[in-house]
Amino acid sequence: MKIENSNLYVCGDYHEQGRRLKIMLALLQPNSAVVFLGDYPAQFMSQFGDLNNLLIQYRLHAYLLRGNHDNPVFWRAEREHVNQRYSNLTLLAEVDSLQWRDVNILCVSGAISVDRTSKRTDVGFCWPNTEAVPADAVEQTHKLVGELGTFNIMLSHSSTIEGVPESCEDSSFVKRFLPDDPNLMADLKSENQRLSETFITSGANCSIYGHYHRAFSNQVDSIEYQCLNICEVLELKCAAMT
């Protein structure tokens, strides 16, 4: 999918932070594009309408990855319908590509909810069997590389192993849910590993993601890893990705 806009931004999780989102959008150059990394959250069709109206107001077009708090059905069975209904937003496929200027961008949706087996404040809005990074992400990426060539950057909701701000073993948040979810630790590690393999397959040298609700950056062997905080915005620079 080709982006014709002159400017391209990436935004971390949204989580219904309406005031912060409006402030952020107002600072962006009009007629730009922005990629959201997930967790709006999108649980009802009307929420896309609210976001679309804001995008129209600020003369922006958005490309939306799916986070773990977003209903997978909209990115699967309903994706074409949503994209036709709303003029200023585009739901990306679970594993998708964007081309902007001379930058080839891989987009990978999904993440496991750490509290997937617990009582949640958003009761009913957890999809433990379908919310994770797609099992065939590596295979889909390999196919895209064959069609488009290697990628410069990977945008995802969750992170590779190398980019995780805090390991599962050290995370007090993860530990809270282990007694009721004995497979959680292994599943989280497996998902991070899947994204690492996807990243390697893509050939990219930069990974940008959300999900962890913090600003974090790391460099390993000239590979850049950057985690965006809630409503944090990063402007992509063409020269930095070539």
C-alpha atoms as a PDB file:
ATOM      1  CA  MET A   1       0.000   0.000   0.000  1.00  0.00           C
ATOM      2  CA  LYS A   2       1.581   3.271  -1.112  1.00  0.00           C
ATOM      3  CA  ILE A   3       1.426   6.409   1.045  1.00  0.00           C
ATOM      4  CA  GLU A   4       1.461   9.571  -1.052  1.00  0.00           C
ATOM      5  CA  ASN A   5       1.568  12.048   1.853  1.00  0.00           C
ATOM      6  CA  SER A   6       4.767  14.065   2.259  1.00  0.00           C
ATOM      7  CA  ASN A   7       4.960  13.504   6.016  1.00  0.00           C
ATOM      8  CA  LEU A   8       4.525  10.255   7.919  1.00  0.00           C
ATOM      9  CA  TYR A   9       4.165   9.895  11.684  1.00  0.00           C
ATOM     10  CA  VAL A  10       3.848   6.928  14.044  1.00  0.00           C
ATOM     11  CA  CYS A  11       1.728   7.099  17.220  1.00  0.00           C
ATOM     12  CA  GLY A  12       1.819   4.812  20.243  1.00  0.00           C
ATOM     13  CA  ASP A  13      -1.243   3.327  21.936  1.00  0.00           C
ATOM     14  CA  TYR A  14      -4.241   5.648  22.197  1.00  0.00           C
ATOM     15  CA  HIS A  15      -6.359   4.042  24.983  1.00  0.00           C
ATOM     16  CA  GLU A  16      -9.166   6.591  24.699  1.00  0.00           C
ATOM     17  CA  GLN A  17      -6.933   9.448  25.814  1.00  0.00           C
ATOM     18  CA  GLY A  18      -9.093  11.853  23.845  1.00  0.00           C
ATOM     19  CA  ARG A  19      -7.601  15.102  25.108  1.00  0.00           C
ATOM     20  CA  ARG A  20      -4.027  13.934  24.584  1.00  0.00           C
ATOM     21  CA  LEU A  21      -4.897  12.632  21.147  1.00  0.00           C
ATOM     22  CA  LYS A  22      -6.398  15.955  20.058  1.00  0.00           C
ATOM     23  CA  ILE A  23      -3.332  17.842  21.269  1.00  0.00           C
ATOM     24  CA  MET A  24      -1.109  15.425  19.393  1.00  0.00           C
ATOM     25  CA  LEU A  25      -3.089  15.575  16.155  1.00  0.00           C
ATOM     26  CA  ALA A  26      -3.159  19.366  16.237  1.00  0.00           C
ATOM     27  CA  LEU A  27       0.652  19.420  16.211  1.00  0.00           C
ATOM     28  CA  LEU A  28       0.958  17.317  13.070  1.00  0.00           C
ATOM     29  CA  GLN A  29       1.433  18.816   9.653  1.00  0.00           C
ATOM     30  CA  PRO A  30      -1.948  18.887   7.827  1.00  0.00           C
ATOM     31  CA  ASN A  31      -2.340  16.476   4.893  1.00  0.00           C
ATOM     32  CA  SER A  32       0.054  14.030   6.575  1.00  0.00           C
ATOM     33  CA  ALA A  33      -0.344  10.336   7.302  1.00  0.00           C
ATOM     34  CA  VAL A  34      -0.039   8.696  10.713  1.00  0.00           C
ATOM     35  CA  VAL A  35       0.285   5.025  11.624  1.00  0.00           C
ATOM     36  CA  PHE A  36      -1.329   4.072  14.932  1.00  0.00           C
ATOM     37  CA  LEU A  37       0.252   1.081  16.676  1.00  0.00           C
ATOM     38  CA  GLY A  38      -2.996  -0.210  18.220  1.00  0.00           C
ATOM     39  CA  ASP A  39      -5.113  -0.146  21.399  1.00  0.00           C
ATOM     40  CA  TYR A  40      -7.540   2.677  20.606  1.00  0.00           C
ATOM     41  CA  PRO A  41      -9.359   0.545  21.795  1.00  0.00           C
ATOM     42  CA  ALA A  42     -11.622  -0.459  18.914  1.00  0.00           C
ATOM     43  CA  GLN A  43     -14.433  -2.525  20.397  1.00  0.00           C
ATOM     44  CA  PHE A  44     -17.416  -0.976  18.592  1.00  0.00           C
ATOM     45  CA  MET A  45     -17.851   0.335  15.047  1.00  0.00           C
ATOM     46  CA  SER A  46     -18.784   3.784  16.378  1.00  0.00           C
ATOM     47  CA  GLN A  47     -15.289   4.251  17.774  1.00  0.00           C
ATOM     48  CA  PHE A  48     -13.890   4.273  14.246  1.00  0.00           C
ATOM     49  CA  GLY A  49     -16.368   7.028  13.423  1.00  0.00           C
ATOM     50  CA  ASP A  50     -15.131   9.149  16.332  1.00  0.00           C
ATOM     51  CA  LEU A  51     -11.519   8.765  15.230  1.00  0.00           C
ATOM     52  CA  ASN A  52     -12.386   9.380  11.583  1.00  0.00           C
ATOM     53  CA  ASN A  53     -14.082  12.663  12.493  1.00  0.00           C
ATOM     54  CA  LEU A  54     -10.943  13.834  14.301  1.00  0.00           C
ATOM     55  CA  LEU A  55      -8.799  12.892  11.330  1.00  0.00           C
ATOM     56  CA  ILE A  56     -11.046  14.874   9.011  1.00  0.00           C
ATOM     57  CA  GLN A  57     -10.875  17.856  11.367  1.00  0.00           C
ATOM     58  CA  TYR A  58      -7.064  17.848  11.342  1.00  0.00           C
ATOM     59  CA  ARG A  59      -6.771  16.840   7.653  1.00  0.00           C
ATOM     60  CA  LEU A  60      -4.927  13.602   8.319  1.00  0.00           C
ATOM     61  CA  HIS A  61      -5.148   9.993   7.128  1.00  0.00           C
ATOM     62  CA  ALA A  62      -4.457   7.150   9.546  1.00  0.00           C
ATOM     63  CA  TYR A  63      -3.340   3.549   9.071  1.00  0.00           C
ATOM     64  CA  LEU A  64      -4.348   1.352  11.999  1.00  0.00           C
ATOM     65  CA  LEU A  65      -2.588  -1.705  13.377  1.00  0.00           C
ATOM     66  CA  ARG A  66      -4.536  -3.939  15.742  1.00  0.00           C
ATOM     67  CA  GLY A  67      -3.585  -4.037  19.408  1.00  0.00           C
ATOM     68  CA  ASN A  68      -4.567  -6.588  22.044  1.00  0.00           C
ATOM     69  CA  HIS A  69      -7.466  -4.378  23.206  1.00  0.00           C
ATOM     70  CA  ASP A  70      -8.949  -4.134  19.699  1.00  0.00           C
ATOM     71  CA  ASN A  71     -11.594  -6.534  18.425  1.00  0.00           C
ATOM     72  CA  PRO A  72      -9.875  -8.782  15.845  1.00  0.00           C
ATOM     73  CA  VAL A  73     -13.085  -9.144  13.828  1.00  0.00           C
ATOM     74  CA  PHE A  74     -12.728  -5.580  12.525  1.00  0.00           C
ATOM     75  CA  TRP A  75      -9.270  -6.347  11.131  1.00  0.00           C
ATOM     76  CA  ARG A  76     -10.444  -9.604   9.564  1.00  0.00           C
ATOM     77  CA  ALA A  77     -14.035 -10.165   8.487  1.00  0.00           C
ATOM     78  CA  GLU A  78     -15.019  -6.490   8.722  1.00  0.00           C
ATOM     79  CA  ARG A  79     -11.838  -4.806   7.448  1.00  0.00           C
ATOM     80  CA  GLU A  80     -13.038  -4.099   3.922  1.00  0.00           C
ATOM     81  CA  HIS A  81     -16.342  -2.775   5.247  1.00  0.00           C
ATOM     82  CA  VAL A  82     -14.632  -0.443   7.734  1.00  0.00           C
ATOM     83  CA  ASN A  83     -12.219   0.846   5.105  1.00  0.00           C
ATOM     84  CA  GLN A  84     -15.039   1.622   2.697  1.00  0.00           C
ATOM     85  CA  ARG A  85     -17.170   3.287   5.352  1.00  0.00           C
ATOM     86  CA  TYR A  86     -14.586   5.723   6.757  1.00  0.00           C
ATOM     87  CA  SER A  87     -12.760   8.113   4.469  1.00  0.00           C
ATOM     88  CA  ASN A  88      -9.728   9.020   6.563  1.00  0.00           C
ATOM     89  CA  LEU A  89      -8.638   5.746   8.122  1.00  0.00           C
ATOM     90  CA  THR A  90      -7.430   2.405   6.822  1.00  0.00           C
ATOM     91  CA  LEU A  91      -7.292  -0.813   8.825  1.00  0.00           C
ATOM     92  CA  LEU A  92      -4.165  -2.744   7.883  1.00  0.00           C
ATOM     93  CA  ALA A  93      -4.083  -6.491   7.398  1.00  0.00           C
ATOM     94  CA  GLU A  94      -2.602  -8.531  10.243  1.00  0.00           C
ATOM     95  CA  VAL A  95       0.716  -8.594   8.383  1.00  0.00           C
ATOM     96  CA  ASP A  96       0.864  -5.789   5.851  1.00  0.00           C
ATOM     97  CA  SER A  97       3.202  -3.410   4.067  1.00  0.00           C
ATOM     98  CA  LEU A  98       3.367   0.316   3.471  1.00  0.00           C
ATOM     99  CA  GLN A  99       5.542   2.113   0.968  1.00  0.00           C
ATOM    100  CA  TRP A 100       6.410   5.735   1.686  1.00  0.00           C
ATOM    101  CA  ARG A 101       8.901   7.566  -0.491  1.00  0.00           C
ATOM    102  CA  ASP A 102      11.757   5.060  -0.705  1.00  0.00           C
ATOM    103  CA  VAL A 103      10.968   3.435   2.667  1.00  0.00           C
ATOM    104  CA  ASN A 104       9.502  -0.066   2.782  1.00  0.00           C
ATOM    105  CA  ILE A 105       7.567  -0.606   6.033  1.00  0.00           C
ATOM    106  CA  LEU A 106       6.381  -3.917   7.466  1.00  0.00           C
ATOM    107  CA  CYS A 107       3.346  -3.726   9.779  1.00  0.00           C
ATOM    108  CA  VAL A 108       2.515  -6.552  12.199  1.00  0.00           C
ATOM    109  CA  SER A 109      -0.594  -6.451  14.396  1.00  0.00           C
ATOM    110  CA  GLY A 110      -1.590  -8.218  17.582  1.00  0.00           C
ATOM    111  CA  ALA A 111      -0.337  -9.038  21.062  1.00  0.00           C
ATOM    112  CA  ILE A 112      -1.224 -11.271  23.985  1.00  0.00           C
ATOM    113  CA  SER A 113      -3.105  -9.623  26.846  1.00  0.00           C
ATOM    114  CA  VAL A 114      -1.226 -10.310  30.067  1.00  0.00           C
ATOM    115  CA  ASP A 115      -4.554 -10.276  31.938  1.00  0.00           C
ATOM    116  CA  ARG A 116      -6.272 -12.519  29.391  1.00  0.00           C
ATOM    117  CA  THR A 117      -7.685 -14.962  31.974  1.00  0.00           C
ATOM    118  CA  SER A 118      -8.566 -12.414  34.665  1.00  0.00           C
ATOM    119  CA  LYS A 119     -11.551 -10.293  35.509  1.00  0.00           C
ATOM    120  CA  ARG A 120     -11.135  -7.090  33.543  1.00  0.00           C
ATOM    121  CA  THR A 121     -12.678  -3.643  33.718  1.00  0.00           C
ATOM    122  CA  ASP A 122     -13.515  -4.039  30.020  1.00  0.00           C
ATOM    123  CA  VAL A 123     -15.387  -7.311  30.601  1.00  0.00           C
ATOM    124  CA  GLY A 124     -15.969  -9.141  27.368  1.00  0.00           C
ATOM    125  CA  PHE A 125     -13.296  -7.217  25.476  1.00  0.00           C
ATOM    126  CA  CYS A 126     -10.522  -9.756  25.546  1.00  0.00           C
ATOM    127  CA  TRP A 127      -9.868 -12.241  22.766  1.00  0.00           C
ATOM    128  CA  PRO A 128      -7.308 -14.698  24.202  1.00  0.00           C
ATOM    129  CA  ASN A 129      -7.604 -17.106  21.280  1.00  0.00           C
ATOM    130  CA  THR A 130      -7.279 -14.563  18.477  1.00  0.00           C
ATOM    131  CA  GLU A 131      -5.552 -11.422  19.764  1.00  0.00           C
ATOM    132  CA  ALA A 132      -1.912 -12.555  19.540  1.00  0.00           C
ATOM    133  CA  VAL A 133       0.589 -11.868  16.782  1.00  0.00           C
ATOM    134  CA  PRO A 134      -0.432 -14.105  13.838  1.00  0.00           C
ATOM    135  CA  ALA A 135       1.122 -17.558  14.011  1.00  0.00           C
ATOM    136  CA  ASP A 136       2.169 -17.310  10.355  1.00  0.00           C
ATOM    137  CA  ALA A 137       3.731 -13.839  10.629  1.00  0.00           C
ATOM    138  CA  VAL A 138       7.148 -15.118   9.532  1.00  0.00           C
ATOM    139  CA  GLU A 139       5.706 -16.915   6.508  1.00  0.00           C
ATOM    140  CA  GLN A 140       3.629 -13.902   5.489  1.00  0.00           C
ATOM    141  CA  THR A 141       6.665 -11.647   5.828  1.00  0.00           C
ATOM    142  CA  HIS A 142       8.782 -13.982   3.717  1.00  0.00           C
ATOM    143  CA  LYS A 143       6.147 -13.783   0.997  1.00  0.00           C
ATOM    144  CA  LEU A 144       6.080  -9.983   1.145  1.00  0.00           C
ATOM    145  CA  VAL A 145       9.870  -9.826   0.905  1.00  0.00           C
ATOM    146  CA  GLY A 146       9.667 -11.962  -2.232  1.00  0.00           C
ATOM    147  CA  GLU A 147       7.158  -9.538  -3.731  1.00  0.00           C
ATOM    148  CA  LEU A 148       8.513  -6.186  -2.517  1.00  0.00           C
ATOM    149  CA  GLY A 149      12.118  -6.722  -1.469  1.00  0.00           C
ATOM    150  CA  THR A 150      13.534  -6.260   2.001  1.00  0.00           C
ATOM    151  CA  PHE A 151      12.033  -3.805   4.462  1.00  0.00           C
ATOM    152  CA  ASN A 152      13.626  -0.793   6.141  1.00  0.00           C
ATOM    153  CA  ILE A 153      11.466  -0.668   9.241  1.00  0.00           C
ATOM    154  CA  MET A 154       9.003  -2.835  11.159  1.00  0.00           C
ATOM    155  CA  LEU A 155       6.027  -1.306  12.958  1.00  0.00           C
ATOM    156  CA  SER A 156       4.230  -3.581  15.398  1.00  0.00           C
ATOM    157  CA  HIS A 157       2.026  -3.467  18.454  1.00  0.00           C
ATOM    158  CA  SER A 158       4.198  -5.786  20.537  1.00  0.00           C
ATOM    159  CA  SER A 159       7.960  -6.215  20.538  1.00  0.00           C
ATOM    160  CA  THR A 160      10.780  -8.491  19.550  1.00  0.00           C
ATOM    161  CA  ILE A 161      12.780 -10.175  22.314  1.00  0.00           C
ATOM    162  CA  GLU A 162      15.564  -7.615  21.867  1.00  0.00           C
ATOM    163  CA  GLY A 163      13.202  -4.663  22.202  1.00  0.00           C
ATOM    164  CA  VAL A 164      11.206  -5.671  25.281  1.00  0.00           C
ATOM    165  CA  PRO A 165      11.651  -2.873  27.888  1.00  0.00           C
ATOM    166  CA  GLU A 166      11.457  -5.367  30.758  1.00  0.00           C
ATOM    167  CA  SER A 167      11.784  -9.140  30.590  1.00  0.00           C
ATOM    168  CA  CYS A 168       8.808 -11.291  31.513  1.00  0.00           C
ATOM    169  CA  GLU A 169      10.717 -12.739  34.462  1.00  0.00           C
ATOM    170  CA  ASP A 170      11.381  -9.237  35.855  1.00  0.00           C
ATOM    171  CA  SER A 171       7.932  -7.801  35.250  1.00  0.00           C
ATOM    172  CA  SER A 172       5.873  -7.455  38.424  1.00  0.00           C
ATOM    173  CA  PHE A 173       2.804  -6.899  36.221  1.00  0.00           C
ATOM    174  CA  VAL A 174       3.273 -10.252  34.474  1.00  0.00           C
ATOM    175  CA  LYS A 175       3.931 -12.029  37.769  1.00  0.00           C
ATOM    176  CA  ARG A 176       0.543 -10.917  39.106  1.00  0.00           C
ATOM    177  CA  PHE A 177      -1.256 -13.113  36.587  1.00  0.00           C
ATOM    178  CA  LEU A 178       0.946 -16.219  36.580  1.00  0.00           C
ATOM    179  CA  PRO A 179      -0.935 -18.078  39.359  1.00  0.00           C
ATOM    180  CA  ASP A 180      -4.123 -18.083  37.264  1.00  0.00           C
ATOM    181  CA  ASP A 181      -2.407 -18.425  33.877  1.00  0.00           C
ATOM    182  CA  PRO A 182       0.501 -20.909  34.064  1.00  0.00           C
ATOM    183  CA  ASN A 183       1.100 -20.762  30.284  1.00  0.00           C
ATOM    184  CA  LEU A 184       1.388 -16.985  30.200  1.00  0.00           C
ATOM    185  CA  MET A 185       5.163 -16.701  30.542  1.00  0.00           C
ATOM    186  CA  ALA A 186       5.868 -19.247  27.812  1.00  0.00           C
ATOM    187  CA  ASP A 187       3.286 -17.694  25.492  1.00  0.00           C
ATOM    188  CA  LEU A 188       4.688 -14.180  25.925  1.00  0.00           C
ATOM    189  CA  LYS A 189       8.221 -15.379  25.208  1.00  0.00           C
ATOM    190  CA  SER A 190       7.012 -17.317  22.185  1.00  0.00           C
ATOM    191  CA  GLU A 191       5.264 -14.240  20.815  1.00  0.00           C
ATOM    192  CA  ASN A 192       8.341 -12.044  21.279  1.00  0.00           C
ATOM    193  CA  GLN A 193      10.420 -14.739  19.585  1.00  0.00           C
ATOM    194  CA  ARG A 194       7.977 -14.849  16.674  1.00  0.00           C
ATOM    195  CA  LEU A 195       8.350 -11.108  16.222  1.00  0.00           C
ATOM    196  CA  SER A 196      12.149 -11.418  16.383  1.00  0.00           C
ATOM    197  CA  GLU A 197      12.054 -14.017  13.620  1.00  0.00           C
ATOM    198  CA  THR A 198       9.644 -11.844  11.634  1.00  0.00           C
ATOM    199  CA  PHE A 199      11.952  -8.852  12.045  1.00  0.00           C
ATOM    200  CA  ILE A 200      14.985 -10.832  10.870  1.00  0.00           C
ATOM    201  CA  THR A 201      13.046 -12.175   7.894  1.00  0.00           C
ATOM    202  CA  SER A 202      12.003  -8.646   6.921  1.00  0.00           C
ATOM    203  CA  GLY A 203      15.599  -7.426   6.668  1.00  0.00           C
ATOM    204  CA  ALA A 204      14.665  -4.223   8.533  1.00  0.00           C
ATOM    205  CA  ASN A 205      17.118  -2.331  10.736  1.00  0.00           C
ATOM    206  CA  CYS A 206      14.590  -0.453  12.863  1.00  0.00           C
ATOM    207  CA  SER A 207      11.716  -1.732  15.030  1.00  0.00           C
ATOM    208  CA  ILE A 208       9.064   0.635  16.427  1.00  0.00           C
ATOM    209  CA  TYR A 209       6.251  -0.588  18.682  1.00  0.00           C
ATOM    210  CA  GLY A 210       3.809   0.371  21.457  1.00  0.00           C
ATOM    211  CA  HIS A 211       1.999  -1.916  23.936  1.00  0.00           C
ATOM    212  CA  TYR A 212       4.262  -1.366  26.974  1.00  0.00           C
ATOM    213  CA  HIS A 213       3.034   2.140  27.890  1.00  0.00           C
ATOM    214  CA  ARG A 214       6.484   3.632  28.219  1.00  0.00           C
ATOM    215  CA  ALA A 215       9.111   5.411  26.159  1.00  0.00           C
ATOM    216  CA  PHE A 216      12.123   3.183  25.612  1.00  0.00           C
ATOM    217  CA  SER A 217      14.900   2.862  23.061  1.00  0.00           C
ATOM    218  CA  ASN A 218      17.721   0.406  22.604  1.00  0.00           C
ATOM    219  CA  GLN A 219      20.395  -0.295  20.034  1.00  0.00           C
ATOM    220  CA  VAL A 220      21.851  -3.750  19.478  1.00  0.00           C
ATOM    221  CA  ASP A 221      24.468  -4.280  16.767  1.00  0.00           C
ATOM    222  CA  SER A 222      23.361  -1.158  14.857  1.00  0.00           C
ATOM    223  CA  ILE A 223      19.707  -2.264  15.021  1.00  0.00           C
ATOM    224  CA  GLU A 224      17.344   0.334  16.502  1.00  0.00           C
ATOM    225  CA  TYR A 225      14.473  -0.609  18.831  1.00  0.00           C
ATOM    226  CA  GLN A 226      12.041   2.088  19.975  1.00  0.00           C
ATOM    227  CA  CYS A 227       8.944   1.790  22.143  1.00  0.00           C
ATOM    228  CA  LEU A 228       6.437   4.658  22.006  1.00  0.00           C
ATOM    229  CA  ASN A 229       4.461   5.700  25.063  1.00  0.00           C
ATOM    230  CA  ILE A 230       0.700   6.346  25.048  1.00  0.00           C
ATOM    231  CA  CYS A 231      -0.044   9.026  22.424  1.00  0.00           C
ATOM    232  CA  GLU A 232       3.687   9.567  21.851  1.00  0.00           C
ATOM    233  CA  VAL A 233       4.394  10.560  18.260  1.00  0.00           C
ATOM    234  CA  LEU A 234       7.467   9.956  16.150  1.00  0.00           C
ATOM    235  CA  GLU A 235       7.993  11.535  12.747  1.00  0.00           C
ATOM    236  CA  LEU A 236       9.673   9.187  10.308  1.00  0.00           C
ATOM    237  CA  LYS A 237      12.588  10.662   8.415  1.00  0.00           C
ATOM    238  CA  CYS A 238      13.316   9.194   5.036  1.00  0.00           C
ATOM    239  CA  ALA A 239      17.087   9.530   5.281  1.00  0.00           C
ATOM    240  CA  ALA A 240      17.188   7.783   8.662  1.00  0.00           C
ATOM    241  CA  MET A 241      15.673   4.644   7.226  1.00  0.00           C
ATOM    242  CA  THR A 242      17.848   4.247   4.122  1.00  0.00           C
END
